[in-house]
Amino acid sequence: MIVMNREALAPVVTELQNQISAGNMVREILKRENTIHFGTVSLSVDDLIEIIESKQFSNVKAQNNKVAFDDLSDMKNNKALLVGYPNITCDDISISFKGFFGSSIYVPSKPEDLLSKAKSIEAEFRQRKGMPDFVREKQKYITLPYWICMGVFLFSIFNIDPNSSRYPQFKTYSSFMTAYSLLALIVYMNWGYIEYIRKSVYYRASEGLFRRNIEKIVVGVIGALLGAAVKAFIDRF
């Protein structure tokens, strides 16, 4: 067994560092996240095409369900077929509007300009997020505590005596859970709207007043229900 002390290894380490600095030997591979998650978003086909076109990619392809698009012109000429959750490839960047963690952009470990373009696309998508997307991204801060509180509430139902001194406190807690349940219901309705009704990419050849303002209407309904829930809770006291 050969044992080398630090002093003996020092010249070797110094030489390796010099060669790396001079570019004559191995180089360090910079690690970075290859997948950019940007949650949920809903944008029109026209907006999507405009964003991609502005980045000046040399090769753009897309696939949606069983339909394949060979280039950007093909996408422009068949906008209605892009509706839904398409997968788009721009040079070596892949954009997916459907995944376990929501929409994402995949960037391989290649030139830095690809990462810059991917970050730029992400910023464009985030600018088009609406209130339903914000609620969807933050819903865990409401639903997780809700189920904990609901567990405590259900446990209390079967373990508290209506004649005990703690029963008035239980009634107050029941009022709180009623309001909290309505809030949780609104959050889950928003989730269902995003996952099963709204499309990540939509196309409307002609838009009426209702279609242009659908998300504003949804937000208004959610706000009204939430306001009613808060008022009902306050009126209990």
C-alpha atoms as a PDB file:
ATOM      1  CA  MET A   1       0.000   0.000   0.000  1.00  0.00           C
ATOM      2  CA  ILE A   2       1.423   3.379  -1.034  1.00  0.00           C
ATOM      3  CA  VAL A   3       0.704   6.375   1.175  1.00  0.00           C
ATOM      4  CA  MET A   4       1.351   9.862  -0.172  1.00  0.00           C
ATOM      5  CA  ASN A   5       1.264  12.889   2.077  1.00  0.00           C
ATOM      6  CA  ARG A   6      -0.225  16.265   1.208  1.00  0.00           C
ATOM      7  CA  GLU A   7       3.169  17.805   0.418  1.00  0.00           C
ATOM      8  CA  ALA A   8       3.906  15.130  -2.168  1.00  0.00           C
ATOM      9  CA  LEU A   9       0.552  15.624  -3.906  1.00  0.00           C
ATOM     10  CA  ALA A  10       0.740  19.424  -3.986  1.00  0.00           C
ATOM     11  CA  PRO A  11       2.838  19.697  -7.206  1.00  0.00           C
ATOM     12  CA  VAL A  12       0.513  17.274  -9.014  1.00  0.00           C
ATOM     13  CA  VAL A  13      -2.591  19.222  -8.009  1.00  0.00           C
ATOM     14  CA  THR A  14      -0.973  22.505  -9.047  1.00  0.00           C
ATOM     15  CA  GLU A  15      -0.050  21.096 -12.452  1.00  0.00           C
ATOM     16  CA  LEU A  16      -3.581  19.817 -13.049  1.00  0.00           C
ATOM     17  CA  GLN A  17      -5.034  23.199 -12.133  1.00  0.00           C
ATOM     18  CA  ASN A  18      -2.651  24.943 -14.542  1.00  0.00           C
ATOM     19  CA  GLN A  19      -3.574  22.607 -17.399  1.00  0.00           C
ATOM     20  CA  ILE A  20      -7.284  23.055 -16.772  1.00  0.00           C
ATOM     21  CA  SER A  21      -6.868  26.837 -16.718  1.00  0.00           C
ATOM     22  CA  ALA A  22      -4.939  26.720 -19.985  1.00  0.00           C
ATOM     23  CA  GLY A  23      -7.668  24.645 -21.632  1.00  0.00           C
ATOM     24  CA  ASN A  24      -5.291  21.765 -22.388  1.00  0.00           C
ATOM     25  CA  MET A  25      -7.065  19.102 -20.411  1.00  0.00           C
ATOM     26  CA  VAL A  26     -10.380  18.254 -18.834  1.00  0.00           C
ATOM     27  CA  ARG A  27     -12.828  21.026 -18.045  1.00  0.00           C
ATOM     28  CA  GLU A  28     -15.466  21.386 -15.385  1.00  0.00           C
ATOM     29  CA  ILE A  29     -19.055  20.726 -16.439  1.00  0.00           C
ATOM     30  CA  LEU A  30     -21.370  23.344 -15.002  1.00  0.00           C
ATOM     31  CA  LYS A  31     -24.502  21.795 -13.570  1.00  0.00           C
ATOM     32  CA  ARG A  32     -27.889  23.445 -13.883  1.00  0.00           C
ATOM     33  CA  GLU A  33     -31.532  22.513 -13.773  1.00  0.00           C
ATOM     34  CA  ASN A  34     -32.588  21.196 -17.168  1.00  0.00           C
ATOM     35  CA  THR A  35     -36.325  21.503 -16.553  1.00  0.00           C
ATOM     36  CA  ILE A  36     -38.075  24.811 -15.916  1.00  0.00           C
ATOM     37  CA  HIS A  37     -41.500  24.364 -14.340  1.00  0.00           C
ATOM     38  CA  PHE A  38     -43.916  27.250 -14.796  1.00  0.00           C
ATOM     39  CA  GLY A  39     -47.140  25.782 -13.404  1.00  0.00           C
ATOM     40  CA  THR A  40     -50.368  26.376 -15.292  1.00  0.00           C
ATOM     41  CA  VAL A  41     -51.152  28.957 -17.936  1.00  0.00           C
ATOM     42  CA  SER A  42     -53.758  29.574 -20.615  1.00  0.00           C
ATOM     43  CA  LEU A  43     -52.827  31.462 -23.759  1.00  0.00           C
ATOM     44  CA  SER A  44     -54.165  31.759 -27.279  1.00  0.00           C
ATOM     45  CA  VAL A  45     -52.621  30.029 -30.274  1.00  0.00           C
ATOM     46  CA  ASP A  46     -51.786  33.459 -31.688  1.00  0.00           C
ATOM     47  CA  ASP A  47     -49.898  34.422 -28.518  1.00  0.00           C
ATOM     48  CA  LEU A  48     -48.031  31.117 -28.512  1.00  0.00           C
ATOM     49  CA  ILE A  49     -46.965  31.485 -32.147  1.00  0.00           C
ATOM     50  CA  GLU A  50     -45.957  35.114 -31.583  1.00  0.00           C
ATOM     51  CA  ILE A  51     -43.768  34.183 -28.600  1.00  0.00           C
ATOM     52  CA  ILE A  52     -42.017  31.356 -30.445  1.00  0.00           C
ATOM     53  CA  GLU A  53     -41.581  33.389 -33.628  1.00  0.00           C
ATOM     54  CA  SER A  54     -39.979  36.279 -31.714  1.00  0.00           C
ATOM     55  CA  LYS A  55     -37.163  33.992 -30.475  1.00  0.00           C
ATOM     56  CA  GLN A  56     -36.072  33.245 -34.058  1.00  0.00           C
ATOM     57  CA  PHE A  57     -35.599  29.491 -33.768  1.00  0.00           C
ATOM     58  CA  SER A  58     -34.286  27.717 -36.848  1.00  0.00           C
ATOM     59  CA  ASN A  59     -36.375  24.584 -36.390  1.00  0.00           C
ATOM     60  CA  VAL A  60     -39.847  24.472 -34.820  1.00  0.00           C
ATOM     61  CA  LYS A  61     -42.056  21.396 -34.613  1.00  0.00           C
ATOM     62  CA  ALA A  62     -45.166  20.536 -32.621  1.00  0.00           C
ATOM     63  CA  GLN A  63     -47.404  17.620 -31.786  1.00  0.00           C
ATOM     64  CA  ASN A  64     -50.904  17.664 -30.342  1.00  0.00           C
ATOM     65  CA  ASN A  65     -52.804  14.425 -29.833  1.00  0.00           C
ATOM     66  CA  LYS A  66     -52.281  12.564 -33.121  1.00  0.00           C
ATOM     67  CA  VAL A  67     -51.494  15.644 -35.220  1.00  0.00           C
ATOM     68  CA  ALA A  68     -47.912  16.643 -36.060  1.00  0.00           C
ATOM     69  CA  PHE A  69     -46.809  20.083 -37.265  1.00  0.00           C
ATOM     70  CA  ASP A  70     -43.630  20.215 -39.328  1.00  0.00           C
ATOM     71  CA  ASP A  71     -42.836  23.910 -38.931  1.00  0.00           C
ATOM     72  CA  LEU A  72     -44.120  27.280 -37.761  1.00  0.00           C
ATOM     73  CA  SER A  73     -46.013  27.876 -41.015  1.00  0.00           C
ATOM     74  CA  ASP A  74     -47.845  24.599 -40.522  1.00  0.00           C
ATOM     75  CA  MET A  75     -48.890  25.780 -37.051  1.00  0.00           C
ATOM     76  CA  LYS A  76     -50.096  29.133 -38.417  1.00  0.00           C
ATOM     77  CA  ASN A  77     -52.202  27.455 -41.090  1.00  0.00           C
ATOM     78  CA  ASN A  78     -53.821  24.966 -38.690  1.00  0.00           C
ATOM     79  CA  LYS A  79     -54.361  26.951 -35.500  1.00  0.00           C
ATOM     80  CA  ALA A  80     -57.489  25.097 -34.400  1.00  0.00           C
ATOM     81  CA  LEU A  81     -55.554  21.811 -34.299  1.00  0.00           C
ATOM     82  CA  LEU A  82     -53.154  23.216 -31.691  1.00  0.00           C
ATOM     83  CA  VAL A  83     -55.898  23.619 -29.084  1.00  0.00           C
ATOM     84  CA  GLY A  84     -55.288  21.642 -25.906  1.00  0.00           C
ATOM     85  CA  TYR A  85     -51.944  20.633 -24.464  1.00  0.00           C
ATOM     86  CA  PRO A  86     -49.427  20.513 -27.322  1.00  0.00           C
ATOM     87  CA  ASN A  87     -45.780  19.509 -27.113  1.00  0.00           C
ATOM     88  CA  ILE A  88     -43.538  21.922 -28.977  1.00  0.00           C
ATOM     89  CA  THR A  89     -39.877  21.553 -29.948  1.00  0.00           C
ATOM     90  CA  CYS A  90     -37.899  24.707 -30.729  1.00  0.00           C
ATOM     91  CA  ASP A  91     -34.401  23.707 -31.840  1.00  0.00           C
ATOM     92  CA  ASP A  92     -33.355  21.635 -28.789  1.00  0.00           C
ATOM     93  CA  ILE A  93     -35.842  23.212 -26.368  1.00  0.00           C
ATOM     94  CA  SER A  94     -38.967  21.189 -25.550  1.00  0.00           C
ATOM     95  CA  ILE A  95     -42.149  22.829 -24.250  1.00  0.00           C
ATOM     96  CA  SER A  96     -44.817  20.659 -22.637  1.00  0.00           C
ATOM     97  CA  PHE A  97     -48.171  22.012 -21.464  1.00  0.00           C
ATOM     98  CA  LYS A  98     -49.179  18.822 -19.666  1.00  0.00           C
ATOM     99  CA  GLY A  99     -47.284  17.033 -16.933  1.00  0.00           C
ATOM    100  CA  PHE A 100     -47.421  15.766 -13.358  1.00  0.00           C
ATOM    101  CA  PHE A 101     -45.873  19.014 -12.124  1.00  0.00           C
ATOM    102  CA  GLY A 102     -47.716  21.210 -14.609  1.00  0.00           C
ATOM    103  CA  SER A 103     -46.295  22.830 -17.722  1.00  0.00           C
ATOM    104  CA  SER A 104     -42.544  22.787 -18.228  1.00  0.00           C
ATOM    105  CA  ILE A 105     -39.685  23.717 -20.535  1.00  0.00           C
ATOM    106  CA  TYR A 106     -36.823  21.248 -20.992  1.00  0.00           C
ATOM    107  CA  VAL A 107     -33.383  22.579 -21.893  1.00  0.00           C
ATOM    108  CA  PRO A 108     -30.493  20.189 -22.645  1.00  0.00           C
ATOM    109  CA  SER A 109     -26.981  20.886 -21.364  1.00  0.00           C
ATOM    110  CA  LYS A 110     -25.957  22.739 -24.479  1.00  0.00           C
ATOM    111  CA  PRO A 111     -25.154  26.375 -25.422  1.00  0.00           C
ATOM    112  CA  GLU A 112     -26.115  29.071 -22.944  1.00  0.00           C
ATOM    113  CA  ASP A 113     -28.227  30.912 -25.530  1.00  0.00           C
ATOM    114  CA  LEU A 114     -30.764  28.068 -25.382  1.00  0.00           C
ATOM    115  CA  LEU A 115     -31.156  28.551 -21.639  1.00  0.00           C
ATOM    116  CA  SER A 116     -31.582  32.298 -22.182  1.00  0.00           C
ATOM    117  CA  LYS A 117     -34.312  31.704 -24.770  1.00  0.00           C
ATOM    118  CA  ALA A 118     -36.029  29.183 -22.497  1.00  0.00           C
ATOM    119  CA  LYS A 119     -35.997  31.659 -19.604  1.00  0.00           C
ATOM    120  CA  SER A 120     -37.402  34.323 -21.923  1.00  0.00           C
ATOM    121  CA  ILE A 121     -40.237  32.014 -23.016  1.00  0.00           C
ATOM    122  CA  GLU A 122     -40.985  31.202 -19.375  1.00  0.00           C
ATOM    123  CA  ALA A 123     -41.205  34.927 -18.560  1.00  0.00           C
ATOM    124  CA  GLU A 124     -43.624  35.455 -21.473  1.00  0.00           C
ATOM    125  CA  PHE A 125     -45.818  32.593 -20.251  1.00  0.00           C
ATOM    126  CA  ARG A 126     -45.827  33.858 -16.663  1.00  0.00           C
ATOM    127  CA  GLN A 127     -46.995  37.289 -17.834  1.00  0.00           C
ATOM    128  CA  ARG A 128     -50.120  35.615 -19.200  1.00  0.00           C
ATOM    129  CA  LYS A 129     -51.094  33.888 -15.961  1.00  0.00           C
ATOM    130  CA  GLY A 130     -54.464  34.836 -14.501  1.00  0.00           C
ATOM    131  CA  MET A 131     -56.010  34.687 -11.042  1.00  0.00           C
ATOM    132  CA  PRO A 132     -57.092  31.019 -11.462  1.00  0.00           C
ATOM    133  CA  ASP A 133     -53.432  30.118 -12.094  1.00  0.00           C
ATOM    134  CA  PHE A 134     -52.315  32.000  -8.982  1.00  0.00           C
ATOM    135  CA  VAL A 135     -54.944  30.212  -6.861  1.00  0.00           C
ATOM    136  CA  ARG A 136     -53.925  26.859  -8.387  1.00  0.00           C
ATOM    137  CA  GLU A 137     -50.261  27.388  -7.517  1.00  0.00           C
ATOM    138  CA  LYS A 138     -51.028  28.416  -3.921  1.00  0.00           C
ATOM    139  CA  GLN A 139     -53.833  25.955  -3.224  1.00  0.00           C
ATOM    140  CA  LYS A 140     -51.668  23.627  -1.107  1.00  0.00           C
ATOM    141  CA  TYR A 141     -51.449  26.356   1.530  1.00  0.00           C
ATOM    142  CA  ILE A 142     -55.227  26.123   1.878  1.00  0.00           C
ATOM    143  CA  THR A 143     -56.020  22.463   1.231  1.00  0.00           C
ATOM    144  CA  LEU A 144     -53.290  20.862   3.357  1.00  0.00           C
ATOM    145  CA  PRO A 145     -54.245  22.721   6.587  1.00  0.00           C
ATOM    146  CA  TYR A 146     -57.890  22.150   5.688  1.00  0.00           C
ATOM    147  CA  TRP A 147     -57.602  18.376   5.824  1.00  0.00           C
ATOM    148  CA  ILE A 148     -55.700  18.589   9.101  1.00  0.00           C
ATOM    149  CA  CYS A 149     -58.444  20.787  10.588  1.00  0.00           C
ATOM    150  CA  MET A 150     -61.106  18.500   9.144  1.00  0.00           C
ATOM    151  CA  GLY A 151     -59.472  15.499  10.801  1.00  0.00           C
ATOM    152  CA  VAL A 152     -59.534  17.285  14.164  1.00  0.00           C
ATOM    153  CA  PHE A 153     -63.145  18.304  13.558  1.00  0.00           C
ATOM    154  CA  LEU A 154     -64.303  14.766  12.741  1.00  0.00           C
ATOM    155  CA  PHE A 155     -62.453  13.427  15.773  1.00  0.00           C
ATOM    156  CA  SER A 156     -64.201  16.010  17.960  1.00  0.00           C
ATOM    157  CA  ILE A 157     -67.654  15.083  16.648  1.00  0.00           C
ATOM    158  CA  PHE A 158     -67.348  11.560  18.016  1.00  0.00           C
ATOM    159  CA  ASN A 159     -65.524  12.438  21.220  1.00  0.00           C
ATOM    160  CA  ILE A 160     -67.161  15.550  22.671  1.00  0.00           C
ATOM    161  CA  ASP A 161     -70.141  15.472  24.989  1.00  0.00           C
ATOM    162  CA  PRO A 162     -72.886  18.001  24.059  1.00  0.00           C
ATOM    163  CA  ASN A 163     -73.342  18.633  27.784  1.00  0.00           C
ATOM    164  CA  SER A 164     -69.699  19.430  28.456  1.00  0.00           C
ATOM    165  CA  SER A 165     -68.364  22.936  29.061  1.00  0.00           C
ATOM    166  CA  ARG A 166     -66.302  22.699  25.891  1.00  0.00           C
ATOM    167  CA  TYR A 167     -69.332  22.275  23.632  1.00  0.00           C
ATOM    168  CA  PRO A 168     -69.751  26.052  22.932  1.00  0.00           C
ATOM    169  CA  GLN A 169     -66.143  26.112  21.750  1.00  0.00           C
ATOM    170  CA  PHE A 170     -66.930  23.159  19.507  1.00  0.00           C
ATOM    171  CA  LYS A 171     -69.860  25.060  17.970  1.00  0.00           C
ATOM    172  CA  THR A 172     -67.547  27.978  17.204  1.00  0.00           C
ATOM    173  CA  TYR A 173     -65.101  25.544  15.606  1.00  0.00           C
ATOM    174  CA  SER A 174     -67.990  24.109  13.570  1.00  0.00           C
ATOM    175  CA  SER A 175     -68.746  27.581  12.203  1.00  0.00           C
ATOM    176  CA  PHE A 176     -65.094  28.013  11.312  1.00  0.00           C
ATOM    177  CA  MET A 177     -65.030  24.663   9.498  1.00  0.00           C
ATOM    178  CA  THR A 178     -68.175  25.593   7.561  1.00  0.00           C
ATOM    179  CA  ALA A 179     -66.504  28.725   6.205  1.00  0.00           C
ATOM    180  CA  TYR A 180     -63.212  26.870   5.660  1.00  0.00           C
ATOM    181  CA  SER A 181     -65.001  24.076   3.780  1.00  0.00           C
ATOM    182  CA  LEU A 182     -66.573  26.596   1.421  1.00  0.00           C
ATOM    183  CA  LEU A 183     -63.154  28.121   0.770  1.00  0.00           C
ATOM    184  CA  ALA A 184     -61.668  24.670   0.109  1.00  0.00           C
ATOM    185  CA  LEU A 185     -64.580  23.893  -2.230  1.00  0.00           C
ATOM    186  CA  ILE A 186     -63.864  27.053  -4.214  1.00  0.00           C
ATOM    187  CA  VAL A 187     -60.193  26.088  -4.485  1.00  0.00           C
ATOM    188  CA  TYR A 188     -61.061  22.591  -5.714  1.00  0.00           C
ATOM    189  CA  MET A 189     -63.593  23.998  -8.184  1.00  0.00           C
ATOM    190  CA  ASN A 190     -60.843  26.240  -9.531  1.00  0.00           C
ATOM    191  CA  TRP A 191     -58.579  23.190  -9.852  1.00  0.00           C
ATOM    192  CA  GLY A 192     -61.299  21.296 -11.733  1.00  0.00           C
ATOM    193  CA  TYR A 193     -61.870  24.253 -14.059  1.00  0.00           C
ATOM    194  CA  ILE A 194     -58.157  24.409 -14.942  1.00  0.00           C
ATOM    195  CA  GLU A 195     -57.639  20.656 -15.292  1.00  0.00           C
ATOM    196  CA  TYR A 196     -60.834  19.600 -17.076  1.00  0.00           C
ATOM    197  CA  ILE A 197     -62.459  22.635 -18.701  1.00  0.00           C
ATOM    198  CA  ARG A 198     -59.858  25.242 -19.558  1.00  0.00           C
ATOM    199  CA  LYS A 199     -57.174  24.471 -22.141  1.00  0.00           C
ATOM    200  CA  SER A 200     -53.550  25.553 -21.879  1.00  0.00           C
ATOM    201  CA  VAL A 201     -53.697  26.631 -25.521  1.00  0.00           C
ATOM    202  CA  TYR A 202     -56.979  27.870 -26.973  1.00  0.00           C
ATOM    203  CA  TYR A 203     -58.148  29.270 -30.300  1.00  0.00           C
ATOM    204  CA  ARG A 204     -61.256  31.334 -30.912  1.00  0.00           C
ATOM    205  CA  ALA A 205     -61.806  32.570 -34.437  1.00  0.00           C
ATOM    206  CA  SER A 206     -64.391  35.005 -33.113  1.00  0.00           C
ATOM    207  CA  GLU A 207     -64.872  35.948 -29.489  1.00  0.00           C
ATOM    208  CA  GLY A 208     -68.080  37.139 -27.937  1.00  0.00           C
ATOM    209  CA  LEU A 209     -68.335  39.161 -24.762  1.00  0.00           C
ATOM    210  CA  PHE A 210     -68.658  36.048 -22.592  1.00  0.00           C
ATOM    211  CA  ARG A 211     -65.635  34.276 -24.061  1.00  0.00           C
ATOM    212  CA  ARG A 212     -63.421  37.334 -23.841  1.00  0.00           C
ATOM    213  CA  ASN A 213     -64.210  37.734 -20.171  1.00  0.00           C
ATOM    214  CA  ILE A 214     -64.619  34.120 -19.021  1.00  0.00           C
ATOM    215  CA  GLU A 215     -61.760  34.262 -16.507  1.00  0.00           C
ATOM    216  CA  LYS A 216     -62.947  37.598 -15.110  1.00  0.00           C
ATOM    217  CA  ILE A 217     -66.369  36.033 -14.611  1.00  0.00           C
ATOM    218  CA  VAL A 218     -64.845  33.000 -12.857  1.00  0.00           C
ATOM    219  CA  VAL A 219     -62.771  35.255 -10.590  1.00  0.00           C
ATOM    220  CA  GLY A 220     -65.860  37.335  -9.811  1.00  0.00           C
ATOM    221  CA  VAL A 221     -67.864  34.247  -8.831  1.00  0.00           C
ATOM    222  CA  ILE A 222     -65.014  32.972  -6.648  1.00  0.00           C
ATOM    223  CA  GLY A 223     -64.704  36.379  -4.990  1.00  0.00           C
ATOM    224  CA  ALA A 224     -68.446  36.562  -4.317  1.00  0.00           C
ATOM    225  CA  LEU A 225     -68.518  33.081  -2.786  1.00  0.00           C
ATOM    226  CA  LEU A 226     -65.459  33.808  -0.680  1.00  0.00           C
ATOM    227  CA  GLY A 227     -66.966  37.084   0.530  1.00  0.00           C
ATOM    228  CA  ALA A 228     -70.188  35.299   1.473  1.00  0.00           C
ATOM    229  CA  ALA A 229     -68.216  32.674   3.380  1.00  0.00           C
ATOM    230  CA  VAL A 230     -66.263  35.271   5.345  1.00  0.00           C
ATOM    231  CA  LYS A 231     -69.439  37.245   6.125  1.00  0.00           C
ATOM    232  CA  ALA A 232     -71.240  34.113   7.316  1.00  0.00           C
ATOM    233  CA  PHE A 233     -68.319  33.289   9.585  1.00  0.00           C
ATOM    234  CA  ILE A 234     -68.146  36.813  11.052  1.00  0.00           C
ATOM    235  CA  ASP A 235     -71.914  36.901  11.635  1.00  0.00           C
ATOM    236  CA  ARG A 236     -71.557  33.912  13.931  1.00  0.00           C
ATOM    237  CA  PHE A 237     -69.924  36.146  16.549  1.00  0.00           C
END
